[in-house]
Protein backbone atom coordinates (compact mmCIF):
# COMPACT_ATOMS: atom_id res chain seq x y z
CA MET A 1 -37.50 4.33 11.40
CA GLY A 2 -34.53 4.67 9.32
CA LYS A 3 -33.07 7.40 7.04
CA LEU A 4 -33.28 4.98 3.98
CA ASP A 5 -36.66 2.79 4.52
CA GLY A 6 -38.56 1.31 1.77
CA LYS A 7 -35.51 2.61 -0.63
CA ILE A 8 -33.77 0.20 -3.23
CA ALA A 9 -29.73 1.21 -3.48
CA LEU A 10 -27.01 -0.49 -5.89
CA ILE A 11 -23.12 -0.10 -4.38
CA THR A 12 -20.92 -1.22 -7.19
CA GLY A 13 -17.37 -2.65 -5.82
CA GLY A 14 -19.90 -3.60 -2.56
CA SER A 15 -17.41 -6.52 -1.36
CA ASP A 16 -14.87 -4.58 0.62
CA GLY A 17 -13.64 -1.66 1.89
CA ILE A 18 -15.95 1.49 1.20
CA GLY A 19 -18.58 -0.26 -0.74
CA LEU A 20 -18.95 -2.63 1.93
CA ALA A 21 -19.55 -0.08 4.95
CA SER A 22 -21.86 1.56 3.13
CA ALA A 23 -23.56 -1.12 2.17
CA GLN A 24 -23.42 -1.94 6.43
CA GLU A 25 -25.04 1.53 7.04
CA PHE A 26 -27.51 1.43 4.48
CA VAL A 27 -29.01 -1.33 5.30
CA ALA A 28 -29.06 -0.07 9.08
CA GLU A 29 -31.14 2.61 7.65
CA GLY A 30 -33.70 0.69 6.36
CA ALA A 31 -32.36 0.30 2.56
CA TYR A 32 -32.62 -3.00 0.59
CA VAL A 33 -29.09 -3.08 -0.93
CA PHE A 34 -27.92 -4.68 -4.13
CA ILE A 35 -23.57 -5.12 -4.02
CA THR A 36 -21.18 -5.56 -6.82
CA GLY A 37 -17.85 -7.17 -7.37
CA ARG A 38 -15.59 -8.84 -9.30
CA ARG A 39 -14.40 -11.85 -6.86
CA LYS A 40 -17.54 -14.34 -5.61
CA GLU A 41 -15.85 -15.04 -2.22
CA ALA A 42 -15.50 -11.43 -0.97
CA LEU A 43 -19.37 -10.70 -2.21
CA ASP A 44 -20.21 -13.99 -0.17
CA ALA A 45 -17.99 -13.01 2.60
CA ALA A 46 -19.80 -9.62 2.39
CA VAL A 47 -23.38 -10.64 2.59
CA LYS A 48 -22.32 -12.75 5.79
CA GLN A 49 -21.01 -9.58 6.98
CA ILE A 50 -24.24 -7.37 6.39
CA GLY A 51 -25.98 -10.27 7.93
CA ASN A 52 -28.14 -12.00 4.91
CA LYS A 53 -31.00 -9.76 5.46
CA ASN A 54 -31.41 -6.94 3.07
CA VAL A 55 -28.98 -7.73 0.68
CA THR A 56 -28.08 -8.92 -2.52
CA ALA A 57 -24.83 -9.58 -4.04
CA ILE A 58 -24.48 -9.94 -8.22
CA GLN A 59 -21.02 -10.67 -9.37
CA ALA A 60 -19.67 -8.11 -11.69
CA ASP A 61 -17.07 -6.30 -13.68
CA SER A 62 -17.72 -3.11 -13.99
CA SER A 63 -15.93 -2.30 -17.10
CA LYS A 64 -17.80 -4.71 -19.17
CA LEU A 65 -20.87 -4.08 -20.30
CA ASP A 66 -22.64 -7.36 -20.18
CA ASP A 67 -22.19 -7.38 -16.76
CA ILE A 68 -23.78 -4.01 -16.18
CA ASP A 69 -26.83 -5.16 -18.05
CA ASN A 70 -26.94 -7.77 -16.21
CA VAL A 71 -26.90 -6.28 -12.84
CA ILE A 72 -29.65 -3.79 -13.80
CA LYS A 73 -31.64 -6.52 -15.56
CA VAL A 74 -31.03 -8.36 -11.79
CA ILE A 75 -32.77 -5.50 -10.04
CA GLN A 76 -35.50 -4.62 -12.09
CA GLU A 77 -36.56 -8.53 -12.12
CA GLU A 78 -36.21 -8.61 -8.01
CA LYS A 79 -37.18 -5.03 -7.15
CA GLY A 80 -38.66 -3.02 -10.32
CA LYS A 81 -36.74 0.09 -9.45
CA LEU A 82 -34.04 2.05 -8.17
CA HIS A 83 -33.81 4.94 -5.72
CA ILE A 84 -30.13 5.34 -5.28
CA LEU A 85 -27.29 4.25 -7.03
CA PHE A 86 -23.43 4.58 -5.11
CA ALA A 87 -20.84 4.44 -8.17
CA ASN A 88 -18.64 2.96 -6.02
CA ALA A 89 -16.11 0.35 -7.90
CA GLY A 90 -12.91 2.01 -8.88
CA ILE A 91 -9.05 0.67 -8.83
CA PHE A 92 -5.79 2.66 -7.93
CA ARG A 93 -2.37 2.22 -10.06
CA LEU A 94 0.58 4.71 -9.70
CA THR A 95 2.24 4.62 -12.96
CA PRO A 96 5.13 7.52 -13.59
CA ILE A 97 4.81 9.26 -16.96
CA GLY A 98 7.45 7.65 -19.16
CA SER A 99 5.99 4.12 -17.96
CA ILE A 100 2.35 4.61 -19.02
CA THR A 101 1.58 1.95 -21.79
CA ALA A 102 -2.15 1.58 -23.58
CA LYS A 103 -3.14 -1.21 -21.02
CA SER A 104 -2.41 0.13 -17.82
CA TYR A 105 -4.10 3.70 -19.01
CA ASP A 106 -7.23 1.58 -20.43
CA GLU A 107 -7.66 -0.68 -17.08
CA LEU A 108 -8.16 2.67 -15.11
CA PHE A 109 -9.91 4.17 -17.84
CA ASN A 110 -12.62 1.12 -18.41
CA ILE A 111 -13.31 0.70 -14.45
CA ASN A 112 -12.71 4.01 -12.96
CA VAL A 113 -14.72 6.00 -15.98
CA LYS A 114 -16.41 4.01 -18.72
CA GLY A 115 -17.73 2.00 -15.55
CA VAL A 116 -19.05 4.95 -13.49
CA LEU A 117 -20.62 6.40 -17.05
CA PHE A 118 -22.43 3.58 -18.32
CA THR A 119 -23.62 1.99 -14.91
CA VAL A 120 -25.66 5.48 -14.55
CA GLN A 121 -26.46 5.27 -18.23
CA LYS A 122 -27.97 1.77 -18.10
CA ALA A 123 -29.64 2.32 -14.75
CA LEU A 124 -31.34 5.03 -15.46
CA PRO A 125 -34.57 3.57 -16.98
CA ILE A 126 -35.14 2.28 -13.51
CA PHE A 127 -33.97 4.91 -11.53
CA VAL A 128 -36.97 6.49 -9.32
CA ASP A 129 -37.46 10.46 -10.03
CA GLY A 130 -36.08 12.22 -7.21
CA GLY A 131 -33.52 9.95 -6.33
CA SER A 132 -29.63 10.36 -5.12
CA ILE A 133 -26.79 9.42 -7.56
CA ILE A 134 -23.39 9.11 -5.62
CA ILE A 135 -20.19 8.62 -7.62
CA ASN A 136 -17.07 7.92 -5.45
CA GLY A 137 -14.07 10.01 -6.36
CA SER A 138 -11.12 11.37 -4.67
CA ASN A 139 -9.12 14.30 -3.51
CA ALA A 140 -6.67 13.08 -6.51
CA SER A 141 -9.31 14.74 -8.71
CA ILE A 142 -7.46 17.97 -7.59
CA LYS A 143 -4.15 17.38 -6.42
CA GLY A 144 -0.98 16.04 -8.23
CA TYR A 145 0.63 13.06 -7.21
CA PRO A 146 4.08 11.60 -8.38
CA ALA A 147 2.94 8.95 -10.57
CA GLY A 148 -0.91 9.85 -10.17
CA SER A 149 -1.36 11.45 -13.54
CA VAL A 150 -3.50 8.66 -15.03
CA TYR A 151 -5.62 7.81 -11.59
CA ASN A 152 -5.71 11.46 -10.98
CA ALA A 153 -7.14 12.00 -14.19
CA THR A 154 -9.99 9.36 -14.09
CA LYS A 155 -11.00 10.85 -10.68
CA ALA A 156 -11.09 14.59 -12.31
CA ALA A 157 -13.45 13.12 -15.29
CA ILE A 158 -16.19 11.49 -12.94
CA ARG A 159 -15.95 14.79 -11.16
CA SER A 160 -16.87 16.45 -14.23
CA PHE A 161 -19.53 13.82 -15.04
CA ALA A 162 -21.26 14.87 -11.49
CA ARG A 163 -21.59 18.89 -12.75
CA CYS A 164 -22.93 17.79 -16.15
CA TRP A 165 -25.60 14.58 -15.06
CA THR A 166 -27.00 17.66 -12.45
CA VAL A 167 -27.63 19.43 -14.96
CA ASP A 168 -29.14 17.05 -17.11
CA LEU A 169 -31.02 14.70 -14.71
CA LYS A 170 -32.36 18.24 -12.77
CA ASP A 171 -36.07 17.84 -14.39
CA ARG A 172 -36.41 14.28 -12.75
CA LYS A 173 -35.16 16.11 -9.56
CA ILE A 174 -32.11 13.22 -9.74
CA ARG A 175 -29.30 14.90 -7.22
CA VAL A 176 -25.74 13.78 -8.24
CA ASN A 177 -22.87 14.16 -6.00
CA THR A 178 -19.38 13.45 -5.79
CA LEU A 179 -17.70 12.13 -2.87
CA SER A 180 -14.25 12.70 -2.47
CA PRO A 181 -12.62 10.70 0.42
CA GLY A 182 -8.68 11.25 1.05
CA PRO A 183 -6.54 8.28 2.24
CA THR A 184 -8.61 5.55 3.94
CA ASP A 185 -7.57 2.32 5.81
CA THR A 186 -8.94 -0.14 2.81
CA PRO A 187 -7.97 -3.79 1.53
CA MET A 188 -7.06 -1.74 -1.63
CA ALA A 189 -5.03 0.78 0.24
CA ARG A 190 -3.12 -2.08 1.77
CA ASN A 191 -1.94 -3.07 -1.41
CA LEU A 192 -1.00 0.75 -3.21
CA ILE A 193 2.36 -0.91 -3.74
CA GLY A 194 2.13 -3.84 -4.05
CA THR A 195 4.30 -4.98 -0.85
CA LYS A 196 3.13 -5.23 2.53
CA GLU A 197 5.91 -3.60 3.49
CA GLY A 198 6.02 -0.66 1.23
CA SER A 199 2.43 -0.23 1.43
CA LYS A 200 2.45 0.01 5.26
CA LYS A 201 5.17 2.97 4.49
CA MET A 202 2.94 4.63 2.29
CA LEU A 203 0.13 4.74 4.75
CA ASN A 204 2.12 5.83 7.18
CA LEU A 205 3.83 8.72 4.94
CA LEU A 206 -0.25 9.38 3.77
CA ALA A 207 -1.61 9.21 7.44
CA ALA A 208 1.07 11.92 8.26
CA SER A 209 0.17 13.95 5.37
CA SER A 210 -3.12 14.59 6.92
CA PRO A 211 -4.30 17.22 9.52
CA MET A 212 -6.10 15.34 11.19
CA GLY A 213 -2.75 12.70 11.69
CA ARG A 214 -4.66 9.33 10.50
CA LEU A 215 -6.30 7.53 7.86
CA ALA A 216 -10.00 7.40 7.43
CA HIS A 217 -12.19 4.11 8.57
CA PRO A 218 -14.40 3.24 5.97
CA SER A 219 -17.36 3.54 7.61
CA GLU A 220 -16.56 7.51 8.39
CA ILE A 221 -16.88 7.55 5.09
CA ALA A 222 -19.98 5.12 4.99
CA LYS A 223 -21.49 8.13 6.99
CA VAL A 224 -21.06 10.61 4.36
CA ALA A 225 -22.40 8.43 1.76
CA LEU A 226 -25.18 7.83 3.59
CA PHE A 227 -25.97 11.40 4.04
CA LEU A 228 -25.94 11.87 0.34
CA ALA A 229 -28.38 8.91 0.14
CA SER A 230 -30.80 10.33 2.14
CA ASP A 231 -33.48 13.51 2.09
CA ASP A 232 -30.91 14.68 4.49
CA SER A 233 -29.16 16.23 1.75
CA SER A 234 -32.01 17.05 -0.25
CA TYR A 235 -30.81 20.46 -1.62
CA ILE A 236 -27.56 19.43 -2.02
CA THR A 237 -26.56 18.43 -6.05
CA GLY A 238 -23.50 18.91 -8.03
CA ILE A 239 -21.14 19.41 -5.59
CA GLU A 240 -17.59 17.78 -4.49
CA LEU A 241 -17.24 16.63 -0.89
CA PHE A 242 -14.05 15.59 0.20
CA ALA A 243 -14.15 13.55 3.15
CA ASP A 244 -10.54 13.58 3.57
CA GLY A 245 -9.33 15.00 7.31
CA GLY A 246 -8.81 18.40 5.53
CA LEU A 247 -5.71 17.07 3.40
CA SER A 248 -7.48 19.04 0.30
CA GLN A 249 -8.18 22.16 1.62
CA ILE A 250 -4.94 22.84 3.78
């Protein structure tokens, strides 16, 4: 018997990295999972990796409201309800103060903040009372990184969403929690700087800064997402759970 038997889940940004690892974990524990992503070829590869069973891929850009509407429509038509939402889609950009443009600001906030807000809000009509909403944050929500002011602000914003939605949705017994990873070995992380060499150097520095001396593997973060999605965390809501090797705590 799986921890998510009979559950219907949506994972945004599920074509690679933490999203894909979480989809694999959820399916293994009995859930039917919908994953979204902007690139069809990556979604097709993700479905194949998961095993073409109990998973549906929907091409969607989380910053576009029409795309979100379509995702919810597909879920409603195919399954009629949703028990778990992992709002995982997001992007990472570093821009020092003095170089921030309206375009770079909008890009980060449209995907990392607006996308989370409207994905959750549009899912609520089909969301089952007693379900679990997980927001993928970052330890950047409480840290100050060079050139990270806009990115870090997006993660602080969605942490605030979780606090407020916990109160807003308490009568429906919907739990809302933030999962905040530290540096994780994902395709996005391997392109932090824009060059392979620069990204590798940055990842080595991040690994060295962790008390555990390494990056997280996506599967390690996925196991935390499974915990928050399942009844194992039935008395947990409104928290920010750091899965960062102790980086934000030491």
